[in-house]
C-alpha atoms as a PDB file:
ATOM      1  CA  MET A   1       0.000   0.000   0.000  1.00  0.00           C
ATOM      2  CA  ILE A   2       1.216   3.517  -0.770  1.00  0.00           C
ATOM      3  CA  TYR A   3       0.503   6.265   1.736  1.00  0.00           C
ATOM      4  CA  ASP A   4       0.911  10.022   1.260  1.00  0.00           C
ATOM      5  CA  LEU A   5       2.235  11.043   4.671  1.00  0.00           C
ATOM      6  CA  SER A   6       1.359  14.687   4.035  1.00  0.00           C
ATOM      7  CA  SER A   7      -2.309  13.631   4.211  1.00  0.00           C
ATOM      8  CA  LYS A   8      -3.648  13.276   7.766  1.00  0.00           C
ATOM      9  CA  ILE A   9      -5.963  10.443   6.707  1.00  0.00           C
ATOM     10  CA  ASP A  10      -3.172   8.503   4.971  1.00  0.00           C
ATOM     11  CA  LEU A  11      -0.821   9.160   7.884  1.00  0.00           C
ATOM     12  CA  ALA A  12      -3.332   7.738  10.369  1.00  0.00           C
ATOM     13  CA  GLU A  13      -3.907   4.679   8.152  1.00  0.00           C
ATOM     14  CA  ALA A  14      -0.160   4.140   7.736  1.00  0.00           C
ATOM     15  CA  ILE A  15       0.409   4.296  11.495  1.00  0.00           C
ATOM     16  CA  GLU A  16      -2.470   1.893  12.099  1.00  0.00           C
ATOM     17  CA  ARG A  17      -1.083  -0.533   9.513  1.00  0.00           C
ATOM     18  CA  LEU A  18       2.465  -0.304  10.893  1.00  0.00           C
ATOM     19  CA  ASP A  19       1.183  -0.870  14.448  1.00  0.00           C
ATOM     20  CA  PHE A  20      -0.606  -4.020  13.220  1.00  0.00           C
ATOM     21  CA  LEU A  21       2.550  -5.294  11.497  1.00  0.00           C
ATOM     22  CA  ILE A  22       4.686  -4.597  14.569  1.00  0.00           C
ATOM     23  CA  LYS A  23       2.177  -6.258  16.896  1.00  0.00           C
ATOM     24  CA  ASN A  24       2.109  -9.368  14.687  1.00  0.00           C
ATOM     25  CA  GLU A  25       5.914  -9.354  14.258  1.00  0.00           C
ATOM     26  CA  ARG A  26       5.723  -9.361  10.482  1.00  0.00           C
ATOM     27  CA  ILE A  27       8.632  -8.855   8.100  1.00  0.00           C
ATOM     28  CA  VAL A  28       8.182  -5.585   6.242  1.00  0.00           C
ATOM     29  CA  GLU A  29       9.879  -3.442   3.658  1.00  0.00           C
ATOM     30  CA  LEU A  30       9.710   0.318   4.137  1.00  0.00           C
ATOM     31  CA  LYS A  31      10.758   2.536   1.259  1.00  0.00           C
ATOM     32  CA  GLU A  32      10.155   6.039   0.026  1.00  0.00           C
ATOM     33  CA  VAL A  33       8.257   6.353  -3.236  1.00  0.00           C
ATOM     34  CA  ARG A  34       9.848   9.108  -5.266  1.00  0.00           C
ATOM     35  CA  ALA A  35       8.727  10.784  -8.424  1.00  0.00           C
ATOM     36  CA  ILE A  36      10.499   8.870 -11.146  1.00  0.00           C
ATOM     37  CA  ARG A  37      12.114  10.569 -14.046  1.00  0.00           C
ATOM     38  CA  SER A  38      10.156  10.612 -17.231  1.00  0.00           C
ATOM     39  CA  ASN A  39      11.048   8.610 -20.320  1.00  0.00           C
ATOM     40  CA  GLN A  40      11.226  11.925 -22.162  1.00  0.00           C
ATOM     41  CA  GLN A  41      13.865  13.215 -19.724  1.00  0.00           C
ATOM     42  CA  ASN A  42      15.836  10.000 -20.040  1.00  0.00           C
ATOM     43  CA  ARG A  43      15.731  10.111 -23.845  1.00  0.00           C
ATOM     44  CA  TYR A  44      16.808  13.764 -23.861  1.00  0.00           C
ATOM     45  CA  LEU A  45      19.658  13.111 -21.396  1.00  0.00           C
ATOM     46  CA  HIS A  46      21.084  10.295 -23.499  1.00  0.00           C
ATOM     47  CA  LEU A  47      20.724  12.383 -26.642  1.00  0.00           C
ATOM     48  CA  ILE A  48      22.852  15.120 -25.112  1.00  0.00           C
ATOM     49  CA  PHE A  49      25.422  12.537 -23.951  1.00  0.00           C
ATOM     50  CA  LYS A  50      25.732  11.494 -27.611  1.00  0.00           C
ATOM     51  CA  MET A  51      25.890  15.103 -28.771  1.00  0.00           C
ATOM     52  CA  ILE A  52      28.706  15.881 -26.334  1.00  0.00           C
ATOM     53  CA  ALA A  53      30.481  12.701 -27.413  1.00  0.00           C
ATOM     54  CA  ALA A  54      30.267  13.720 -31.069  1.00  0.00           C
ATOM     55  CA  GLU A  55      31.579  17.201 -30.302  1.00  0.00           C
ATOM     56  CA  THR A  56      34.408  16.167 -27.956  1.00  0.00           C
ATOM     57  CA  GLY A  57      35.611  12.891 -29.456  1.00  0.00           C
ATOM     58  CA  TYR A  58      34.766  10.862 -26.359  1.00  0.00           C
ATOM     59  CA  ASP A  59      32.244   8.058 -26.505  1.00  0.00           C
ATOM     60  CA  ALA A  60      28.828   8.636 -24.894  1.00  0.00           C
ATOM     61  CA  GLU A  61      29.534   6.254 -21.990  1.00  0.00           C
ATOM     62  CA  THR A  62      32.739   8.138 -21.115  1.00  0.00           C
ATOM     63  CA  VAL A  63      30.827  11.413 -21.212  1.00  0.00           C
ATOM     64  CA  LYS A  64      28.202   9.963 -18.888  1.00  0.00           C
ATOM     65  CA  GLN A  65      30.449   8.112 -16.426  1.00  0.00           C
ATOM     66  CA  ASP A  66      33.648  10.156 -16.313  1.00  0.00           C
ATOM     67  CA  ILE A  67      32.631  13.708 -17.162  1.00  0.00           C
ATOM     68  CA  VAL A  68      29.036  14.133 -16.033  1.00  0.00           C
ATOM     69  CA  LYS A  69      28.969  11.855 -12.986  1.00  0.00           C
ATOM     70  CA  ARG A  70      32.458  12.605 -11.669  1.00  0.00           C
ATOM     71  CA  ILE A  71      32.905  16.275 -12.601  1.00  0.00           C
ATOM     72  CA  VAL A  72      29.798  18.151 -13.728  1.00  0.00           C
ATOM     73  CA  CYS A  73      27.253  16.634 -11.314  1.00  0.00           C
ATOM     74  CA  LYS A  74      29.415  14.965  -8.706  1.00  0.00           C
ATOM     75  CA  GLU A  75      27.240  16.216  -5.810  1.00  0.00           C
ATOM     76  CA  ILE A  76      24.195  14.505  -7.290  1.00  0.00           C
ATOM     77  CA  PHE A  77      25.780  11.194  -8.284  1.00  0.00           C
ATOM     78  CA  LEU A  78      28.433  10.530  -5.625  1.00  0.00           C
ATOM     79  CA  LYS A  79      27.321   8.340  -2.763  1.00  0.00           C
ATOM     80  CA  LYS A  80      29.472   7.366   0.171  1.00  0.00           C
ATOM     81  CA  VAL A  81      28.660   4.191   2.015  1.00  0.00           C
ATOM     82  CA  THR A  82      30.303   3.025   5.214  1.00  0.00           C
ATOM     83  CA  GLY A  83      31.043  -0.664   5.022  1.00  0.00           C
ATOM     84  CA  LYS A  84      30.997  -3.169   7.875  1.00  0.00           C
ATOM     85  CA  SER A  85      34.690  -2.558   8.433  1.00  0.00           C
ATOM     86  CA  GLY A  86      33.992   1.135   8.996  1.00  0.00           C
ATOM     87  CA  LYS A  87      35.744   2.053   5.759  1.00  0.00           C
ATOM     88  CA  THR A  88      33.960   4.591   3.552  1.00  0.00           C
ATOM     89  CA  ILE A  89      33.390   3.420   0.013  1.00  0.00           C
ATOM     90  CA  GLU A  90      32.611   5.856  -2.793  1.00  0.00           C
ATOM     91  CA  SER A  91      30.395   4.871  -5.688  1.00  0.00           C
ATOM     92  CA  TYR A  92      28.236   6.678  -8.193  1.00  0.00           C
ATOM     93  CA  ARG A  93      24.479   6.438  -8.551  1.00  0.00           C
ATOM     94  CA  SER A  94      22.920   5.274 -11.768  1.00  0.00           C
ATOM     95  CA  THR A  95      20.827   7.747 -13.731  1.00  0.00           C
ATOM     96  CA  SER A  96      17.954   5.297 -13.204  1.00  0.00           C
ATOM     97  CA  GLU A  97      18.039   6.167  -9.495  1.00  0.00           C
ATOM     98  CA  LEU A  98      17.306   9.839 -10.137  1.00  0.00           C
ATOM     99  CA  ASP A  99      13.873  11.342  -9.692  1.00  0.00           C
ATOM    100  CA  SER A 100      12.465  13.904 -12.103  1.00  0.00           C
ATOM    101  CA  LYS A 101      13.745  16.900 -10.069  1.00  0.00           C
ATOM    102  CA  GLU A 102      17.273  15.476  -9.943  1.00  0.00           C
ATOM    103  CA  MET A 103      17.148  14.755 -13.677  1.00  0.00           C
ATOM    104  CA  THR A 104      16.132  18.353 -14.335  1.00  0.00           C
ATOM    105  CA  ASP A 105      19.057  19.552 -12.189  1.00  0.00           C
ATOM    106  CA  VAL A 106      21.497  17.260 -14.010  1.00  0.00           C
ATOM    107  CA  ILE A 107      20.284  18.459 -17.404  1.00  0.00           C
ATOM    108  CA  GLU A 108      20.582  22.130 -16.410  1.00  0.00           C
ATOM    109  CA  ARG A 109      24.076  21.620 -14.999  1.00  0.00           C
ATOM    110  CA  ILE A 110      25.233  19.804 -18.136  1.00  0.00           C
ATOM    111  CA  ARG A 111      23.888  22.558 -20.395  1.00  0.00           C
ATOM    112  CA  ASP A 112      25.506  25.262 -18.237  1.00  0.00           C
ATOM    113  CA  TYR A 113      28.841  23.457 -17.855  1.00  0.00           C
ATOM    114  CA  PHE A 114      29.359  22.761 -21.553  1.00  0.00           C
ATOM    115  CA  SER A 115      28.160  26.223 -22.525  1.00  0.00           C
ATOM    116  CA  VAL A 116      30.659  27.919 -20.209  1.00  0.00           C
ATOM    117  CA  ASN A 117      33.610  25.536 -20.521  1.00  0.00           C
ATOM    118  CA  LEU A 118      33.432  24.434 -24.159  1.00  0.00           C
ATOM    119  CA  ASP A 119      31.254  27.148 -25.689  1.00  0.00           C
ATOM    120  CA  MET A 120      28.897  24.335 -26.727  1.00  0.00           C
ATOM    121  CA  TYR A 121      25.223  25.013 -27.239  1.00  0.00           C
ATOM    122  CA  ILE A 122      22.976  22.151 -26.164  1.00  0.00           C
ATOM    123  CA  PRO A 123      19.379  22.620 -27.291  1.00  0.00           C
ATOM    124  CA  ALA A 124      16.814  22.912 -24.498  1.00  0.00           C
ATOM    125  CA  PRO A 125      14.267  20.100 -24.060  1.00  0.00           C
ATOM    126  CA  ASN A 126      11.520  22.261 -25.602  1.00  0.00           C
ATOM    127  CA  GLU A 127      13.477  23.027 -28.805  1.00  0.00           C
ATOM    128  CA  SER A 128      11.927  20.145 -30.706  1.00  0.00           C
ATOM    129  CA  GLN A 129      13.106  21.151 -34.195  1.00  0.00           C
ATOM    130  CA  LYS A 130      16.729  21.461 -33.078  1.00  0.00           C
ATOM    131  CA  LEU A 131      16.511  18.170 -31.200  1.00  0.00           C
ATOM    132  CA  LEU A 132      15.041  16.423 -34.218  1.00  0.00           C
ATOM    133  CA  TYR A 133      17.879  17.734 -36.376  1.00  0.00           C
ATOM    134  CA  LEU A 134      20.379  16.609 -33.723  1.00  0.00           C
ATOM    135  CA  GLU A 135      18.873  13.108 -33.609  1.00  0.00           C
ATOM    136  CA  ARG A 136      19.100  12.799 -37.399  1.00  0.00           C
ATOM    137  CA  ARG A 137      22.689  14.041 -37.414  1.00  0.00           C
ATOM    138  CA  LEU A 138      23.719  11.660 -34.636  1.00  0.00           C
ATOM    139  CA  SER A 139      21.979   8.697 -36.277  1.00  0.00           C
ATOM    140  CA  GLN A 140      24.095   9.355 -39.384  1.00  0.00           C
ATOM    141  CA  LEU A 141      27.223   9.019 -37.244  1.00  0.00           C
ATOM    142  CA  GLY A 142      25.918   5.682 -35.969  1.00  0.00           C
ATOM    143  CA  ASN A 143      28.659   3.457 -34.592  1.00  0.00           C
ATOM    144  CA  TYR A 144      31.185   6.267 -34.425  1.00  0.00           C
ATOM    145  CA  LEU A 145      29.824   7.363 -31.042  1.00  0.00           C
END
């Protein structure tokens, strides 16, 4: 069951349900339901990875993993986990773990970063004609990316 804890009715129902589960010593999974990114955002993000790859000579996966995750948007992607030994381990989140707000932030940071640092114009998500042209151009490059 999904409960909206900002709703007093849902909150009361969630507490009642949790009390029941505790009382009956059940095994439960508790997780936050976050707004997932849209397929449109995901498609746009990967299109701009390919565009950057075509313009810089890197492949799209290098752009994504090494430039965007580790430099441009490190604060969003970096996660530090303390292992059982007490040692902190650094890893990077997958784009699939981002919600729609985080995806919007990533996209804005990428556009700003490449505009400032490489004087590269990345079309905005609402510039459909430019994006269509970009998709056609990138499809012509095919395996070169």
